[in-house]
Protein backbone atom coordinates (compact mmCIF):
# COMPACT_ATOMS: atom_id res chain seq x y z
CA MET A 1 0.86 11.45 35.79
CA ILE A 2 4.42 12.70 34.71
CA GLU A 3 5.08 16.20 34.64
CA GLY A 4 4.38 17.74 30.90
CA VAL A 5 2.63 14.51 29.68
CA LEU A 6 -0.93 15.36 28.56
CA LEU A 7 -3.63 12.48 27.69
CA LEU A 8 -6.59 14.23 26.16
CA PRO A 9 -9.90 13.11 24.98
CA ARG A 10 -10.35 13.34 21.29
CA PRO A 11 -13.56 13.46 19.34
CA CYS A 12 -14.65 10.61 17.47
CA HIS A 13 -17.62 10.88 14.99
CA GLU A 14 -19.20 7.64 14.23
CA ASP A 15 -22.03 6.83 11.63
CA THR A 16 -22.94 3.57 9.44
CA ARG A 17 -20.32 4.78 6.84
CA GLY A 18 -17.51 4.71 9.52
CA ARG A 19 -15.46 7.05 11.76
CA LEU A 20 -13.89 10.47 11.60
CA LEU A 21 -10.93 10.85 14.26
CA ARG A 22 -9.61 14.32 14.97
CA MET A 23 -6.06 14.22 16.38
CA VAL A 24 -4.63 17.70 16.63
CA ARG A 25 -5.71 21.32 15.47
CA CYS A 26 -3.35 24.26 15.14
CA ASP A 27 -5.56 26.20 17.60
CA ASP A 28 -5.62 23.36 20.54
CA PRO A 29 -4.11 25.07 23.34
CA GLU A 30 -1.50 22.24 23.74
CA PHE A 31 -0.29 22.56 20.14
CA ALA A 32 3.32 22.64 20.02
CA GLY A 33 3.94 23.22 16.30
CA PHE A 34 4.21 21.36 13.21
CA GLY A 35 7.18 19.39 11.83
CA GLU A 36 5.75 16.29 10.38
CA VAL A 37 3.01 13.55 10.62
CA TYR A 38 4.00 10.07 10.44
CA PHE A 39 2.37 6.82 10.76
CA SER A 40 4.05 3.63 12.39
CA THR A 41 2.70 0.35 12.73
CA ILE A 42 3.31 -2.18 15.33
CA ARG A 43 2.65 -5.94 15.28
CA PRO A 44 0.92 -7.88 18.03
CA GLY A 45 3.35 -8.32 21.19
CA ILE A 46 6.14 -6.33 19.67
CA ILE A 47 7.94 -3.58 21.62
CA LYS A 48 9.61 -0.55 20.33
CA GLY A 49 11.69 1.80 22.30
CA TRP A 50 13.12 2.98 24.47
CA LYS A 51 13.61 6.36 22.82
CA LEU A 52 14.09 10.06 23.99
CA HIS A 53 13.68 13.21 21.81
CA LYS A 54 15.85 16.02 22.89
CA ARG A 55 13.49 18.86 21.27
CA MET A 56 10.72 17.06 19.78
CA VAL A 57 7.09 17.18 21.14
CA LEU A 58 5.02 13.91 20.10
CA ASN A 59 1.46 13.88 19.74
CA LEU A 60 0.40 10.16 19.49
CA ALA A 61 -2.90 8.60 18.69
CA VAL A 62 -3.82 5.11 17.76
CA PRO A 63 -6.55 5.21 15.30
CA VAL A 64 -6.38 1.29 14.38
CA GLY A 65 -5.61 -1.30 16.93
CA SER A 66 -4.39 -1.06 20.61
CA VAL A 67 -0.92 0.10 21.85
CA GLN A 68 0.60 0.32 25.45
CA PHE A 69 3.12 3.21 25.94
CA VAL A 70 5.40 3.29 28.96
CA ILE A 71 6.79 6.86 29.81
CA TYR A 72 9.78 7.17 32.14
CA ASP A 73 10.92 10.66 33.50
CA ASP A 74 14.73 11.02 33.90
CA ARG A 75 14.76 14.89 33.47
CA PRO A 76 17.07 16.56 35.96
CA GLY A 77 14.79 18.98 38.15
CA SER A 78 11.61 17.48 36.92
CA PRO A 79 9.04 17.16 40.03
CA THR A 80 8.37 13.67 38.58
CA ARG A 81 11.86 12.65 38.03
CA GLY A 82 12.11 8.96 38.48
CA GLY A 83 8.43 8.35 37.61
CA VAL A 84 6.86 5.78 35.39
CA GLN A 85 3.65 5.98 33.61
CA THR A 86 1.83 3.75 31.34
CA GLU A 87 -1.35 4.47 29.01
CA ILE A 88 -3.13 2.42 26.58
CA LEU A 89 -4.13 4.12 23.23
CA ASP A 90 -6.93 2.75 21.13
CA CYS A 91 -10.34 4.25 20.07
CA HIS A 92 -12.40 3.28 23.07
CA PRO A 93 -12.10 6.15 24.25
CA TYR A 94 -9.95 7.80 21.60
CA ARG A 95 -7.37 10.05 23.16
CA LEU A 96 -4.05 12.01 22.29
CA LEU A 97 -1.07 11.34 24.18
CA GLN A 98 1.51 14.45 24.22
CA LEU A 99 5.17 13.61 25.36
CA PRO A 100 7.31 16.62 25.94
CA PRO A 101 11.01 16.64 25.19
CA GLY A 102 13.17 14.61 27.53
CA VAL A 103 11.34 11.56 28.81
CA TRP A 104 12.02 8.24 27.71
CA PHE A 105 9.22 6.03 26.01
CA ALA A 106 8.52 2.78 24.67
CA PHE A 107 5.50 0.92 23.24
CA GLN A 108 3.79 -2.47 22.52
CA GLY A 109 1.35 -3.65 20.20
CA ARG A 110 -1.81 -5.11 22.18
CA ALA A 111 -4.48 -5.90 19.36
CA ALA A 112 -4.53 -9.17 17.77
CA HIS A 113 -3.56 -7.64 14.54
CA GLU A 114 -1.23 -4.78 13.50
CA SER A 115 -1.95 -1.39 15.03
CA VAL A 116 -1.17 2.02 13.75
CA VAL A 117 0.52 4.96 15.83
CA THR A 118 0.18 8.38 14.42
CA ASN A 119 2.77 11.08 15.56
CA CYS A 120 2.01 14.79 14.75
CA ALA A 121 5.51 15.89 15.66
CA SER A 122 6.55 19.41 16.44
CA ILE A 123 9.74 19.46 14.39
CA PRO A 124 10.74 17.33 11.39
CA HIS A 125 12.64 13.96 12.05
CA ASP A 126 16.19 14.48 12.86
CA PRO A 127 18.43 11.41 13.99
CA GLN A 128 20.86 13.54 15.76
CA GLU A 129 17.80 14.85 17.86
CA SER A 130 17.15 11.20 19.62
CA ILE A 131 18.65 8.77 21.98
CA THR A 132 17.87 5.16 22.14
CA LEU A 133 18.24 2.46 24.88
CA PRO A 134 17.85 -1.28 24.63
CA LEU A 135 14.74 -2.51 25.98
CA ASP A 136 16.38 -4.13 29.14
CA SER A 137 18.41 -0.97 29.86
CA PRO A 138 19.26 -0.52 33.80
CA GLU A 139 18.74 2.96 33.39
CA ILE A 140 15.00 2.53 33.02
CA PRO A 141 13.08 1.07 36.07
CA TYR A 142 10.51 -0.97 33.94
CA ARG A 143 10.67 -4.48 32.74
CA TRP A 144 8.74 -5.73 29.61
CA SER A 145 7.38 -9.15 29.52
CA THR A 146 5.06 -11.01 27.18
CA THR A 147 2.38 -10.81 29.58
CA ASP A 148 2.18 -7.02 29.99
């Protein structure tokens, strides 16, 4: 695991009417503050990334579909610098992925239909606060393929 990245189980209450999925509460020990909540969709096989947030803590969950996240640690002084971590989020089991500032991430839709990614961000969106790289950047030691 990359230093500062958390993968946490989350409750999923299901009955004949449907499911209730809790993502984050302000009294959770890992809660890093509230800036905004947003939903992003991703189509099957599509890859979004690479992106790095300088200050934002991301709290990610996938309530619909399946998404593979790849995280790369390039933070100077980090004990896991140079490490790559991959995680698949969906509802089975339902989990929260928390990404600290300073790590690169990208993600790919894995379901046969559009997937939904939810982010409860610690600060409001600020385009000056993030950096992007192309998917084939030589700075990140991970290569995406259509068979990932």
